Amino acid sequence: MTEILLAEAQIKRKVIESSKQLFALVDSSKFGREDLTSFARPNQIVHLFTDSGITKEWKAQLGSANIPFTVCNEVSVTA
C-alpha cells in the first residue's frame, strides 16, 4: 500500500503501528498502481475490502498472497 505524499504515508504508518489489526478498504481502480512511499506491507493486512470492479487476476493474486478479501456490492438507498 502506497501514498504519494510522504507526510501522509508517515501518519498512516504510525496509525498502523499503534493498531492491533489492519483492515484495508481499497478502491478496485487502485490495484496495480504505485505511489512514491510505502506505508503498509501486504502481510500486515488482516482483511481487505474492495468493490466489484476488481479483476479476476487481482482476485487470484490476493488469494496467492493469502490475503483474505471481500468484494462489496454497491447498495443504493432511496429516501
PDB file of N, CA and C in Angstrom:
ATOM      1  N   MET A   1       0.845  -1.152   0.000  1.00  0.00           N
ATOM      2  CA  MET A   1       0.000   0.000   0.000  1.00  0.00           C
ATOM      3  C   MET A   1       0.899   1.226   0.000  1.00  0.00           C
ATOM      4  N   THR A   2       0.602   2.147  -0.888  1.00  0.00           N
ATOM      5  CA  THR A   2       1.481   3.295  -1.083  1.00  0.00           C
ATOM      6  C   THR A   2       0.700   4.604  -1.037  1.00  0.00           C
ATOM      7  N   GLU A   3       1.440   5.669  -0.885  1.00  0.00           N
ATOM      8  CA  GLU A   3       0.880   7.017  -0.775  1.00  0.00           C
ATOM      9  C   GLU A   3       1.793   7.966  -1.529  1.00  0.00           C
ATOM     10  N   ILE A   4       1.219   8.932  -2.202  1.00  0.00           N
ATOM     11  CA  ILE A   4       2.021   9.891  -2.957  1.00  0.00           C
ATOM     12  C   ILE A   4       2.691  10.922  -2.038  1.00  0.00           C
ATOM     13  N   LEU A   5       2.039  11.274  -0.943  1.00  0.00           N
ATOM     14  CA  LEU A   5       2.573  12.282  -0.034  1.00  0.00           C
ATOM     15  C   LEU A   5       3.320  11.635   1.126  1.00  0.00           C
ATOM     16  N   LEU A   6       4.568  12.013   1.315  1.00  0.00           N
ATOM     17  CA  LEU A   6       5.414  11.450   2.361  1.00  0.00           C
ATOM     18  C   LEU A   6       4.796  11.649   3.743  1.00  0.00           C
ATOM     19  N   ALA A   7       4.316  12.844   4.036  1.00  0.00           N
ATOM     20  CA  ALA A   7       3.737  13.123   5.355  1.00  0.00           C
ATOM     21  C   ALA A   7       2.520  12.234   5.620  1.00  0.00           C
ATOM     22  N   GLU A   8       1.687  12.025   4.620  1.00  0.00           N
ATOM     23  CA  GLU A   8       0.516  11.149   4.760  1.00  0.00           C
ATOM     24  C   GLU A   8       0.952   9.709   5.023  1.00  0.00           C
ATOM     25  N   ALA A   9       1.966   9.253   4.310  1.00  0.00           N
ATOM     26  CA  ALA A   9       2.477   7.897   4.500  1.00  0.00           C
ATOM     27  C   ALA A   9       3.015   7.718   5.917  1.00  0.00           C
ATOM     28  N   GLN A  10       3.713   8.722   6.433  1.00  0.00           N
ATOM     29  CA  GLN A  10       4.251   8.643   7.781  1.00  0.00           C
ATOM     30  C   GLN A  10       3.137   8.553   8.823  1.00  0.00           C
ATOM     31  N   ILE A  11       2.082   9.325   8.630  1.00  0.00           N
ATOM     32  CA  ILE A  11       0.940   9.283   9.548  1.00  0.00           C
ATOM     33  C   ILE A  11       0.274   7.904   9.486  1.00  0.00           C
ATOM     34  N   LYS A  12       0.076   7.391   8.288  1.00  0.00           N
ATOM     35  CA  LYS A  12      -0.556   6.085   8.127  1.00  0.00           C
ATOM     36  C   LYS A  12       0.282   4.987   8.762  1.00  0.00           C
ATOM     37  N   ARG A  13       1.609   5.065   8.632  1.00  0.00           N
ATOM     38  CA  ARG A  13       2.488   4.088   9.274  1.00  0.00           C
ATOM     39  C   ARG A  13       2.330   4.106  10.790  1.00  0.00           C
ATOM     40  N   LYS A  14       2.275   5.308  11.362  1.00  0.00           N
ATOM     41  CA  LYS A  14       2.128   5.449  12.815  1.00  0.00           C
ATOM     42  C   LYS A  14       0.791   4.878  13.283  1.00  0.00           C
ATOM     43  N   VAL A  15      -0.272   5.147  12.539  1.00  0.00           N
ATOM     44  CA  VAL A  15      -1.589   4.611  12.889  1.00  0.00           C
ATOM     45  C   VAL A  15      -1.555   3.091  12.856  1.00  0.00           C
ATOM     46  N   ILE A  16      -0.962   2.526  11.817  1.00  0.00           N
ATOM     47  CA  ILE A  16      -0.866   1.072  11.686  1.00  0.00           C
ATOM     48  C   ILE A  16      -0.041   0.482  12.818  1.00  0.00           C
ATOM     49  N   GLU A  17       1.074   1.133  13.171  1.00  0.00           N
ATOM     50  CA  GLU A  17       1.926   0.653  14.259  1.00  0.00           C
ATOM     51  C   GLU A  17       1.175   0.595  15.588  1.00  0.00           C
ATOM     52  N   SER A  18       0.270   1.532  15.802  1.00  0.00           N
ATOM     53  CA  SER A  18      -0.454   1.576  17.074  1.00  0.00           C
ATOM     54  C   SER A  18      -1.737   0.737  17.047  1.00  0.00           C
ATOM     55  N   SER A  19      -2.014   0.110  15.926  1.00  0.00           N
ATOM     56  CA  SER A  19      -3.222  -0.708  15.786  1.00  0.00           C
ATOM     57  C   SER A  19      -2.917  -2.178  16.018  1.00  0.00           C
ATOM     58  N   LYS A  20      -3.936  -2.914  16.431  1.00  0.00           N
ATOM     59  CA  LYS A  20      -3.781  -4.357  16.621  1.00  0.00           C
ATOM     60  C   LYS A  20      -3.981  -5.100  15.312  1.00  0.00           C
ATOM     61  N   GLN A  21      -4.852  -4.584  14.438  1.00  0.00           N
ATOM     62  CA  GLN A  21      -5.150  -5.241  13.172  1.00  0.00           C
ATOM     63  C   GLN A  21      -5.306  -4.187  12.079  1.00  0.00           C
ATOM     64  N   LEU A  22      -4.948  -4.586  10.854  1.00  0.00           N
ATOM     65  CA  LEU A  22      -5.077  -3.689   9.709  1.00  0.00           C
ATOM     66  C   LEU A  22      -6.124  -4.234   8.745  1.00  0.00           C
ATOM     67  N   PHE A  23      -7.195  -3.486   8.610  1.00  0.00           N
ATOM     68  CA  PHE A  23      -8.219  -3.779   7.618  1.00  0.00           C
ATOM     69  C   PHE A  23      -8.070  -2.720   6.537  1.00  0.00           C
ATOM     70  N   ALA A  24      -8.056  -3.149   5.287  1.00  0.00           N
ATOM     71  CA  ALA A  24      -7.838  -2.216   4.178  1.00  0.00           C
ATOM     72  C   ALA A  24      -9.107  -2.086   3.350  1.00  0.00           C
ATOM     73  N   LEU A  25      -9.479  -0.869   3.036  1.00  0.00           N
ATOM     74  CA  LEU A  25     -10.582  -0.565   2.135  1.00  0.00           C
ATOM     75  C   LEU A  25      -9.954   0.065   0.904  1.00  0.00           C
ATOM     76  N   VAL A  26      -9.950  -0.699  -0.206  1.00  0.00           N
ATOM     77  CA  VAL A  26      -9.210  -0.280  -1.399  1.00  0.00           C
ATOM     78  C   VAL A  26     -10.135  -0.265  -2.610  1.00  0.00           C
ATOM     79  N   ASP A  27     -10.242   0.885  -3.245  1.00  0.00           N
ATOM     80  CA  ASP A  27     -10.997   1.009  -4.487  1.00  0.00           C
ATOM     81  C   ASP A  27     -10.313   0.150  -5.553  1.00  0.00           C
ATOM     82  N   SER A  28     -11.094  -0.587  -6.323  1.00  0.00           N
ATOM     83  CA  SER A  28     -10.511  -1.503  -7.315  1.00  0.00           C
ATOM     84  C   SER A  28      -9.625  -0.791  -8.335  1.00  0.00           C
ATOM     85  N   SER A  29      -9.854   0.478  -8.568  1.00  0.00           N
ATOM     86  CA  SER A  29      -9.037   1.209  -9.543  1.00  0.00           C
ATOM     87  C   SER A  29      -7.607   1.441  -9.036  1.00  0.00           C
ATOM     88  N   LYS A  30      -7.372   1.216  -7.757  1.00  0.00           N
ATOM     89  CA  LYS A  30      -6.040   1.427  -7.168  1.00  0.00           C
ATOM     90  C   LYS A  30      -5.119   0.221  -7.310  1.00  0.00           C
ATOM     91  N   PHE A  31      -5.678  -0.951  -7.616  1.00  0.00           N
ATOM     92  CA  PHE A  31      -4.839  -2.141  -7.745  1.00  0.00           C
ATOM     93  C   PHE A  31      -3.885  -1.989  -8.921  1.00  0.00           C
ATOM     94  N   GLY A  32      -2.607  -2.292  -8.676  1.00  0.00           N
ATOM     95  CA  GLY A  32      -1.602  -2.201  -9.722  1.00  0.00           C
ATOM     96  C   GLY A  32      -0.954  -0.834  -9.833  1.00  0.00           C
ATOM     97  N   ARG A  33      -1.457   0.130  -9.074  1.00  0.00           N
ATOM     98  CA  ARG A  33      -0.874   1.472  -9.099  1.00  0.00           C
ATOM     99  C   ARG A  33       0.057   1.633  -7.901  1.00  0.00           C
ATOM    100  N   GLU A  34       1.187   2.266  -8.128  1.00  0.00           N
ATOM    101  CA  GLU A  34       2.133   2.511  -7.044  1.00  0.00           C
ATOM    102  C   GLU A  34       2.446   3.984  -6.959  1.00  0.00           C
ATOM    103  N   ASP A  35       2.475   4.471  -5.732  1.00  0.00           N
ATOM    104  CA  ASP A  35       2.902   5.834  -5.496  1.00  0.00           C
ATOM    105  C   ASP A  35       4.308   5.791  -4.915  1.00  0.00           C
ATOM    106  N   LEU A  36       4.800   6.921  -4.491  1.00  0.00           N
ATOM    107  CA  LEU A  36       6.199   7.040  -4.099  1.00  0.00           C
ATOM    108  C   LEU A  36       6.568   6.378  -2.786  1.00  0.00           C
ATOM    109  N   THR A  37       5.664   6.387  -1.806  1.00  0.00           N
ATOM    110  CA  THR A  37       6.034   5.967  -0.465  1.00  0.00           C
ATOM    111  C   THR A  37       5.145   4.844   0.045  1.00  0.00           C
ATOM    112  N   SER A  38       5.758   3.751   0.450  1.00  0.00           N
ATOM    113  CA  SER A  38       5.030   2.620   1.004  1.00  0.00           C
ATOM    114  C   SER A  38       4.677   2.913   2.464  1.00  0.00           C
ATOM    115  N   PHE A  39       3.463   2.507   2.884  1.00  0.00           N
ATOM    116  CA  PHE A  39       3.109   2.672   4.288  1.00  0.00           C
ATOM    117  C   PHE A  39       2.631   1.369   4.942  1.00  0.00           C
ATOM    118  N   ALA A  40       2.386   0.325   4.138  1.00  0.00           N
ATOM    119  CA  ALA A  40       1.982  -0.972   4.702  1.00  0.00           C
ATOM    120  C   ALA A  40       2.385  -2.079   3.742  1.00  0.00           C
ATOM    121  N   ARG A  41       2.717  -3.223   4.329  1.00  0.00           N
ATOM    122  CA  ARG A  41       3.073  -4.404   3.540  1.00  0.00           C
ATOM    123  C   ARG A  41       1.858  -5.325   3.449  1.00  0.00           C
ATOM    124  N   PRO A  42       1.743  -6.085   2.381  1.00  0.00           N
ATOM    125  CA  PRO A  42       0.597  -6.985   2.232  1.00  0.00           C
ATOM    126  C   PRO A  42       0.420  -7.951   3.406  1.00  0.00           C
ATOM    127  N   ASN A  43       1.518  -8.422   3.993  1.00  0.00           N
ATOM    128  CA  ASN A  43       1.403  -9.380   5.095  1.00  0.00           C
ATOM    129  C   ASN A  43       0.853  -8.761   6.380  1.00  0.00           C
ATOM    130  N   GLN A  44       0.695  -7.448   6.416  1.00  0.00           N
ATOM    131  CA  GLN A  44       0.116  -6.775   7.575  1.00  0.00           C
ATOM    132  C   GLN A  44      -1.415  -6.745   7.512  1.00  0.00           C
ATOM    133  N   ILE A  45      -1.973  -6.972   6.347  1.00  0.00           N
ATOM    134  CA  ILE A  45      -3.417  -6.837   6.152  1.00  0.00           C
ATOM    135  C   ILE A  45      -4.147  -8.067   6.693  1.00  0.00           C
ATOM    136  N   VAL A  46      -5.069  -7.838   7.607  1.00  0.00           N
ATOM    137  CA  VAL A  46      -5.886  -8.908   8.178  1.00  0.00           C
ATOM    138  C   VAL A  46      -7.035  -9.239   7.226  1.00  0.00           C
ATOM    139  N   HIS A  47      -7.621  -8.218   6.627  1.00  0.00           N
ATOM    140  CA  HIS A  47      -8.711  -8.410   5.669  1.00  0.00           C
ATOM    141  C   HIS A  47      -8.791  -7.177   4.781  1.00  0.00           C
ATOM    142  N   LEU A  48      -9.039  -7.406   3.500  1.00  0.00           N
ATOM    143  CA  LEU A  48      -9.133  -6.331   2.521  1.00  0.00           C
ATOM    144  C   LEU A  48     -10.550  -6.295   1.963  1.00  0.00           C
ATOM    145  N   PHE A  49     -11.093  -5.098   1.826  1.00  0.00           N
ATOM    146  CA  PHE A  49     -12.411  -4.890   1.241  1.00  0.00           C
ATOM    147  C   PHE A  49     -12.236  -4.054  -0.020  1.00  0.00           C
ATOM    148  N   THR A  50     -12.918  -4.450  -1.090  1.00  0.00           N
ATOM    149  CA  THR A  50     -12.854  -3.699  -2.339  1.00  0.00           C
ATOM    150  C   THR A  50     -14.214  -3.755  -3.034  1.00  0.00           C
ATOM    151  N   ASP A  51     -14.315  -3.081  -4.159  1.00  0.00           N
ATOM    152  CA  ASP A  51     -15.575  -3.053  -4.896  1.00  0.00           C
ATOM    153  C   ASP A  51     -15.573  -4.079  -6.020  1.00  0.00           C
ATOM    154  N   SER A  52     -16.713  -4.211  -6.677  1.00  0.00           N
ATOM    155  CA  SER A  52     -16.901  -5.254  -7.690  1.00  0.00           C
ATOM    156  C   SER A  52     -16.133  -5.016  -8.985  1.00  0.00           C
ATOM    157  N   GLY A  53     -15.385  -3.931  -9.073  1.00  0.00           N
ATOM    158  CA  GLY A  53     -14.570  -3.670 -10.250  1.00  0.00           C
ATOM    159  C   GLY A  53     -13.242  -4.405 -10.255  1.00  0.00           C
ATOM    160  N   ILE A  54     -12.946  -5.130  -9.184  1.00  0.00           N
ATOM    161  CA  ILE A  54     -11.677  -5.865  -9.108  1.00  0.00           C
ATOM    162  C   ILE A  54     -11.641  -6.955 -10.184  1.00  0.00           C
ATOM    163  N   THR A  55     -10.492  -7.124 -10.806  1.00  0.00           N
ATOM    164  CA  THR A  55     -10.365  -8.108 -11.883  1.00  0.00           C
ATOM    165  C   THR A  55     -10.123  -9.510 -11.330  1.00  0.00           C
ATOM    166  N   LYS A  56     -10.356 -10.503 -12.169  1.00  0.00           N
ATOM    167  CA  LYS A  56     -10.094 -11.895 -11.784  1.00  0.00           C
ATOM    168  C   LYS A  56      -8.611 -12.080 -11.456  1.00  0.00           C
ATOM    169  N   GLU A  57      -7.762 -11.393 -12.209  1.00  0.00           N
ATOM    170  CA  GLU A  57      -6.317 -11.504 -11.990  1.00  0.00           C
ATOM    171  C   GLU A  57      -5.937 -11.015 -10.589  1.00  0.00           C
ATOM    172  N   TRP A  58      -6.520  -9.892 -10.172  1.00  0.00           N
ATOM    173  CA  TRP A  58      -6.202  -9.373  -8.840  1.00  0.00           C
ATOM    174  C   TRP A  58      -6.791 -10.251  -7.752  1.00  0.00           C
ATOM    175  N   LYS A  59      -7.958 -10.822  -7.992  1.00  0.00           N
ATOM    176  CA  LYS A  59      -8.515 -11.769  -7.020  1.00  0.00           C
ATOM    177  C   LYS A  59      -7.564 -12.942  -6.843  1.00  0.00           C
ATOM    178  N   ALA A  60      -7.029 -13.437  -7.949  1.00  0.00           N
ATOM    179  CA  ALA A  60      -6.087 -14.555  -7.896  1.00  0.00           C
ATOM    180  C   ALA A  60      -4.811 -14.159  -7.147  1.00  0.00           C
ATOM    181  N   GLN A  61      -4.313 -12.950  -7.386  1.00  0.00           N
ATOM    182  CA  GLN A  61      -3.092 -12.502  -6.710  1.00  0.00           C
ATOM    183  C   GLN A  61      -3.314 -12.359  -5.210  1.00  0.00           C
ATOM    184  N   LEU A  62      -4.479 -11.839  -4.818  1.00  0.00           N
ATOM    185  CA  LEU A  62      -4.778 -11.738  -3.389  1.00  0.00           C
ATOM    186  C   LEU A  62      -4.857 -13.120  -2.762  1.00  0.00           C
ATOM    187  N   GLY A  63      -5.484 -14.048  -3.470  1.00  0.00           N
ATOM    188  CA  GLY A  63      -5.561 -15.422  -2.984  1.00  0.00           C
ATOM    189  C   GLY A  63      -4.185 -16.050  -2.846  1.00  0.00           C
ATOM    190  N   SER A  64      -3.329 -15.838  -3.845  1.00  0.00           N
ATOM    191  CA  SER A  64      -1.963 -16.383  -3.805  1.00  0.00           C
ATOM    192  C   SER A  64      -1.152 -15.804  -2.653  1.00  0.00           C
ATOM    193  N   ALA A  65      -1.450 -14.549  -2.316  1.00  0.00           N
ATOM    194  CA  ALA A  65      -0.739 -13.884  -1.224  1.00  0.00           C
ATOM    195  C   ALA A  65      -1.377 -14.180   0.139  1.00  0.00           C
ATOM    196  N   ASN A  66      -2.420 -15.028   0.134  1.00  0.00           N
ATOM    197  CA  ASN A  66      -3.133 -15.378   1.373  1.00  0.00           C
ATOM    198  C   ASN A  66      -3.709 -14.162   2.089  1.00  0.00           C
ATOM    199  N   ILE A  67      -4.206 -13.199   1.302  1.00  0.00           N
ATOM    200  CA  ILE A  67      -4.852 -12.024   1.874  1.00  0.00           C
ATOM    201  C   ILE A  67      -6.361 -12.235   1.781  1.00  0.00           C
ATOM    202  N   PRO A  68      -7.036 -12.408   2.920  1.00  0.00           N
ATOM    203  CA  PRO A  68      -8.487 -12.553   2.881  1.00  0.00           C
ATOM    204  C   PRO A  68      -9.111 -11.258   2.360  1.00  0.00           C
ATOM    205  N   PHE A  69     -10.113 -11.394   1.497  1.00  0.00           N
ATOM    206  CA  PHE A  69     -10.736 -10.194   0.946  1.00  0.00           C
ATOM    207  C   PHE A  69     -12.224 -10.406   0.728  1.00  0.00           C
ATOM    208  N   THR A  70     -12.931  -9.298   0.694  1.00  0.00           N
ATOM    209  CA  THR A  70     -14.363  -9.268   0.437  1.00  0.00           C
ATOM    210  C   THR A  70     -14.620  -8.287  -0.692  1.00  0.00           C
ATOM    211  N   VAL A  71     -15.397  -8.708  -1.669  1.00  0.00           N
ATOM    212  CA  VAL A  71     -15.827  -7.808  -2.741  1.00  0.00           C
ATOM    213  C   VAL A  71     -17.203  -7.297  -2.343  1.00  0.00           C
ATOM    214  N   CYS A  72     -17.290  -6.010  -2.122  1.00  0.00           N
ATOM    215  CA  CYS A  72     -18.539  -5.385  -1.666  1.00  0.00           C
ATOM    216  C   CYS A  72     -19.353  -4.947  -2.878  1.00  0.00           C
ATOM    217  N   ASN A  73     -20.631  -5.139  -2.799  1.00  0.00           N
ATOM    218  CA  ASN A  73     -21.534  -4.685  -3.857  1.00  0.00           C
ATOM    219  C   ASN A  73     -22.134  -3.353  -3.470  1.00  0.00           C
ATOM    220  N   GLU A  74     -22.344  -2.516  -4.468  1.00  0.00           N
ATOM    221  CA  GLU A  74     -22.935  -1.205  -4.215  1.00  0.00           C
ATOM    222  C   GLU A  74     -24.419  -1.393  -3.920  1.00  0.00           C
ATOM    223  N   VAL A  75     -24.870  -0.776  -2.855  1.00  0.00           N
ATOM    224  CA  VAL A  75     -26.278  -0.820  -2.486  1.00  0.00           C
ATOM    225  C   VAL A  75     -26.812   0.592  -2.537  1.00  0.00           C
ATOM    226  N   SER A  76     -27.879   0.761  -3.250  1.00  0.00           N
ATOM    227  CA  SER A  76     -28.486   2.078  -3.399  1.00  0.00           C
ATOM    228  C   SER A  76     -29.621   2.225  -2.380  1.00  0.00           C
ATOM    229  N   VAL A  77     -29.590   3.321  -1.660  1.00  0.00           N
ATOM    230  CA  VAL A  77     -30.634   3.595  -0.665  1.00  0.00           C
ATOM    231  C   VAL A  77     -31.396   4.807  -1.137  1.00  0.00           C
ATOM    232  N   THR A  78     -32.712   4.657  -1.265  1.00  0.00           N
ATOM    233  CA  THR A  78     -33.537   5.795  -1.666  1.00  0.00           C
ATOM    234  C   THR A  78     -34.408   6.228  -0.490  1.00  0.00           C
ATOM    235  N   ALA A  79     -34.610   7.512  -0.409  1.00  0.00           N
ATOM    236  CA  ALA A  79     -35.416   8.044   0.698  1.00  0.00           C
ATOM    237  C   ALA A  79     -36.799   8.399   0.219  1.00  0.00           C
TER     238      ALA A  79
END
